[in-house]
Amino acid sequence: MSGFAQYWAQADGIARAVALLLLTMSVSAWVMILWKTWILARARRSLARALPAFWAAADLAAGHEALRRLDPEALLLPLLSAATESRPGASLAGSGKRESRLTRVLRDAMHEVLERLQFGQVMLASIGAVAPFVGLFGTVWGIYHALINLSAGGSLTIEKIAGPVGEALIMTAAGLAVAIPAVLAYNVFGKFVGACEADLEGFAHDLRELLDQD
């Protein structure tokens, strides 16, 4: 019987709950990692194709059509729509100079886009931070549970203790195995989102300058 199988057979409800929690964290992290890898790769390709196509367009209508075709993740199109649809009005949102209105609507649109790109980052960071401690708790509880069982059976020896303690240490390794991919993915995705944010900020700035001249 493998170490984990033996640990599971001897574990009580709390130890099994810890193991299931780590499994849930691991599955959730890997689903998010695979999904965000696909989304951010599409986002980078969209920005690389759509930005040059927009600025090469003859007018705003042609630029809008270029973004509609080449920006399937809707990263740039919301900024263009928000800026071109901004109109003076009686409310505070529609008051002020045109440059200020454009800055406000572009900022709000960019925040919405970045919120979509950053989705899942908090979950990955939380799993990366919490999983090692969950695994450590599982190890401590497993050792305690094993010592209680051994003490009930008579005298304790190193040979009797080594096996259960070694099996309990599997939970610490499991916690690290869950946390490390989540932390690495969080850092890599943060770099990708930062690159997208720089492109979006540049586009918003240039678009505001273009529309403010009309």
Protein backbone atom coordinates (compact mmCIF):
# COMPACT_ATOMS: atom_id res chain seq x y z
CA MET A 1 0.00 0.00 0.00
CA SER A 2 1.38 3.43 -0.92
CA GLY A 3 2.20 6.02 1.73
CA PHE A 4 -0.78 8.22 0.91
CA ALA A 5 -3.18 5.27 0.72
CA GLN A 6 -2.03 4.08 4.11
CA TYR A 7 -2.29 7.61 5.49
CA TRP A 8 -5.83 7.89 4.12
CA ALA A 9 -6.83 4.53 5.60
CA GLN A 10 -5.61 5.53 9.05
CA ALA A 11 -6.76 9.17 8.91
CA ASP A 12 -9.72 10.52 10.81
CA GLY A 13 -12.36 12.94 9.50
CA ILE A 14 -10.29 16.10 10.01
CA ALA A 15 -7.22 14.70 8.24
CA ARG A 16 -9.35 13.55 5.31
CA ALA A 17 -11.04 16.96 5.15
CA VAL A 18 -7.62 18.61 4.93
CA ALA A 19 -6.61 16.26 2.12
CA LEU A 20 -9.83 16.96 0.23
CA LEU A 21 -9.35 20.71 0.73
CA LEU A 22 -5.87 20.50 -0.77
CA LEU A 23 -7.23 18.48 -3.67
CA THR A 24 -9.94 21.09 -4.27
CA MET A 25 -7.34 23.86 -4.17
CA SER A 26 -5.12 22.01 -6.62
CA VAL A 27 -7.92 21.34 -9.11
CA SER A 28 -9.16 24.95 -8.86
CA ALA A 29 -5.66 26.33 -9.35
CA TRP A 30 -4.91 24.22 -12.40
CA VAL A 31 -8.27 24.99 -14.00
CA MET A 32 -7.60 28.70 -13.50
CA ILE A 33 -4.02 28.37 -14.75
CA LEU A 34 -5.08 26.66 -17.97
CA TRP A 35 -7.98 29.05 -18.55
CA LYS A 36 -5.95 32.21 -17.91
CA THR A 37 -3.10 30.94 -20.08
CA TRP A 38 -5.53 30.64 -22.96
CA ILE A 39 -7.22 34.00 -22.27
CA LEU A 40 -4.02 36.00 -21.84
CA ALA A 41 -2.40 34.42 -24.91
CA ARG A 42 -5.44 35.48 -26.95
CA ALA A 43 -5.30 38.94 -25.39
CA ARG A 44 -1.66 39.45 -26.33
CA ARG A 45 -2.32 38.29 -29.89
CA SER A 46 -5.37 40.55 -30.13
CA LEU A 47 -3.42 43.59 -29.00
CA ALA A 48 -0.52 42.81 -31.33
CA ARG A 49 -2.88 42.64 -34.34
CA ALA A 50 -5.57 45.17 -33.46
CA LEU A 51 -3.44 48.13 -32.42
CA PRO A 52 -1.52 48.49 -35.71
CA ALA A 53 -4.71 47.84 -37.70
CA PHE A 54 -6.58 50.58 -35.85
CA TRP A 55 -3.94 53.23 -36.38
CA ALA A 56 -3.55 52.21 -40.02
CA ALA A 57 -7.28 52.78 -40.63
CA ALA A 58 -8.41 55.75 -42.71
CA ASP A 59 -10.95 57.04 -40.15
CA LEU A 60 -12.68 56.14 -36.89
CA ALA A 61 -15.36 54.09 -38.64
CA ALA A 62 -12.70 51.96 -40.36
CA GLY A 63 -10.76 51.73 -37.09
CA HIS A 64 -13.88 50.57 -35.28
CA GLU A 65 -14.43 47.86 -37.87
CA ALA A 66 -10.79 46.76 -37.57
CA LEU A 67 -11.13 46.39 -33.82
CA ARG A 68 -14.40 44.52 -34.19
CA ARG A 69 -12.64 41.96 -36.40
CA LEU A 70 -9.26 41.73 -34.71
CA ASP A 71 -10.12 42.25 -31.04
CA PRO A 72 -12.16 39.15 -30.07
CA GLU A 73 -11.36 39.62 -26.37
CA ALA A 74 -12.88 43.14 -26.47
CA LEU A 75 -9.87 44.87 -24.94
CA LEU A 76 -9.64 47.95 -27.14
CA LEU A 77 -13.18 48.16 -28.48
CA PRO A 78 -14.74 49.18 -25.13
CA LEU A 79 -12.29 52.08 -24.87
CA LEU A 80 -13.08 53.30 -28.38
CA SER A 81 -16.83 52.95 -27.85
CA ALA A 82 -16.72 54.78 -24.51
CA ALA A 83 -14.67 57.64 -25.95
CA THR A 84 -16.67 58.12 -29.15
CA GLU A 85 -20.03 57.88 -27.36
CA SER A 86 -19.11 60.41 -24.68
CA ARG A 87 -21.37 63.45 -24.98
CA PRO A 88 -21.88 66.60 -22.90
CA GLY A 89 -24.88 66.40 -20.59
CA ALA A 90 -26.62 67.90 -17.62
CA SER A 91 -25.12 65.41 -15.14
CA LEU A 92 -21.74 65.68 -13.49
CA ALA A 93 -20.49 62.85 -15.71
CA GLY A 94 -21.26 64.92 -18.81
CA SER A 95 -19.94 68.21 -17.48
CA GLY A 96 -16.51 69.73 -17.66
CA LYS A 97 -14.02 70.06 -20.46
CA ARG A 98 -14.04 67.50 -23.24
CA GLU A 99 -10.53 66.36 -22.32
CA SER A 100 -11.67 65.67 -18.76
CA ARG A 101 -14.72 63.74 -19.94
CA LEU A 102 -12.61 61.65 -22.29
CA THR A 103 -10.10 60.92 -19.56
CA ARG A 104 -12.87 59.81 -17.20
CA VAL A 105 -14.69 57.52 -19.61
CA LEU A 106 -11.46 56.00 -20.91
CA ARG A 107 -10.24 55.38 -17.37
CA ASP A 108 -13.50 53.69 -16.39
CA ALA A 109 -13.54 51.54 -19.53
CA MET A 110 -9.92 50.51 -19.03
CA HIS A 111 -10.61 49.55 -15.40
CA GLU A 112 -13.41 47.24 -16.57
CA VAL A 113 -11.14 45.61 -19.14
CA LEU A 114 -8.33 45.15 -16.60
CA GLU A 115 -10.76 43.67 -14.11
CA ARG A 116 -11.58 40.96 -16.63
CA LEU A 117 -7.91 40.31 -17.35
CA GLN A 118 -7.08 40.11 -13.63
CA PHE A 119 -9.91 37.69 -12.85
CA GLY A 120 -8.59 34.71 -10.91
CA GLN A 121 -5.41 36.42 -9.70
CA VAL A 122 -6.74 36.75 -6.15
CA MET A 123 -7.67 33.07 -6.09
CA LEU A 124 -4.20 32.00 -7.25
CA ALA A 125 -2.53 34.28 -4.71
CA SER A 126 -4.77 32.97 -1.93
CA ILE A 127 -4.09 29.33 -2.81
CA GLY A 128 -0.37 30.00 -3.01
CA ALA A 129 -0.40 31.64 0.42
CA VAL A 130 -2.77 29.28 2.24
CA ALA A 131 -1.98 25.81 0.83
CA PRO A 132 1.39 25.34 2.64
CA PHE A 133 -0.25 26.10 5.99
CA VAL A 134 -3.15 23.77 5.25
CA GLY A 135 -0.63 21.04 4.45
CA LEU A 136 1.33 21.82 7.62
CA PHE A 137 -1.84 21.62 9.66
CA GLY A 138 -2.57 18.25 8.07
CA THR A 139 0.90 17.05 9.02
CA VAL A 140 0.62 18.24 12.62
CA TRP A 141 -2.83 16.71 12.99
CA GLY A 142 -1.69 13.46 11.38
CA ILE A 143 1.29 13.19 13.74
CA TYR A 144 -0.91 13.92 16.75
CA HIS A 145 -3.48 11.38 15.63
CA ALA A 146 -0.77 8.78 14.99
CA LEU A 147 0.86 9.32 18.41
CA ILE A 148 -2.49 8.98 20.15
CA ASN A 149 -3.11 5.66 18.40
CA LEU A 150 0.41 4.40 19.11
CA SER A 151 0.30 5.39 22.77
CA ALA A 152 -2.91 3.44 23.17
CA GLY A 153 -1.14 0.36 21.90
CA GLY A 154 1.61 0.27 24.50
CA SER A 155 5.25 1.38 24.49
CA LEU A 156 6.52 3.79 21.85
CA THR A 157 9.62 3.07 19.82
CA ILE A 158 11.36 4.89 16.99
CA GLU A 159 10.31 2.15 14.60
CA LYS A 160 6.64 2.55 15.51
CA ILE A 161 6.76 6.35 15.27
CA ALA A 162 8.76 6.69 12.04
CA GLY A 163 6.11 5.18 9.78
CA PRO A 164 3.09 7.27 10.85
CA VAL A 165 5.16 10.46 11.06
CA GLY A 166 6.54 9.88 7.59
CA GLU A 167 3.05 9.33 6.24
CA ALA A 168 1.81 12.53 7.93
CA LEU A 169 4.63 14.54 6.31
CA ILE A 170 3.03 13.75 2.94
CA MET A 171 0.50 16.50 3.70
CA THR A 172 3.26 19.11 3.94
CA ALA A 173 4.60 18.01 0.58
CA ALA A 174 1.07 18.10 -0.83
CA GLY A 175 0.59 21.65 0.42
CA LEU A 176 3.79 22.77 -1.29
CA ALA A 177 2.84 20.94 -4.48
CA VAL A 178 -0.42 22.88 -4.55
CA ALA A 179 1.10 26.25 -3.65
CA ILE A 180 4.15 26.38 -5.93
CA PRO A 181 2.32 26.22 -9.31
CA ALA A 182 -0.23 28.78 -8.07
CA VAL A 183 2.48 31.24 -7.00
CA LEU A 184 4.48 30.81 -10.21
CA ALA A 185 1.35 31.24 -12.34
CA TYR A 186 0.34 34.34 -10.35
CA ASN A 187 3.70 35.96 -11.04
CA VAL A 188 3.74 35.05 -14.74
CA PHE A 189 0.14 36.18 -15.27
CA GLY A 190 0.89 39.42 -13.43
CA LYS A 191 3.63 40.14 -15.94
CA PHE A 192 1.28 39.43 -18.87
CA VAL A 193 -1.48 41.59 -17.41
CA GLY A 194 1.03 44.38 -16.80
CA ALA A 195 2.10 44.27 -20.46
CA CYS A 196 -1.54 44.42 -21.57
CA GLU A 197 -2.17 47.31 -19.19
CA ALA A 198 0.75 49.27 -20.69
CA ASP A 199 -0.67 48.78 -24.19
CA LEU A 200 -4.15 49.81 -23.04
CA GLU A 201 -2.83 52.92 -21.31
CA GLY A 202 -0.92 53.93 -24.42
CA PHE A 203 -3.97 53.38 -26.61
CA ALA A 204 -6.20 55.36 -24.23
CA HIS A 205 -3.74 58.26 -24.15
CA ASP A 206 -3.33 58.40 -27.92
CA LEU A 207 -7.07 58.01 -28.48
CA ARG A 208 -7.83 60.86 -26.12
CA GLU A 209 -5.35 63.10 -27.90
CA LEU A 210 -6.89 62.15 -31.26
CA LEU A 211 -10.49 62.79 -30.22
CA ASP A 212 -9.69 65.96 -28.31
CA GLN A 213 -8.52 67.57 -31.55
CA ASP A 214 -11.88 67.09 -33.29
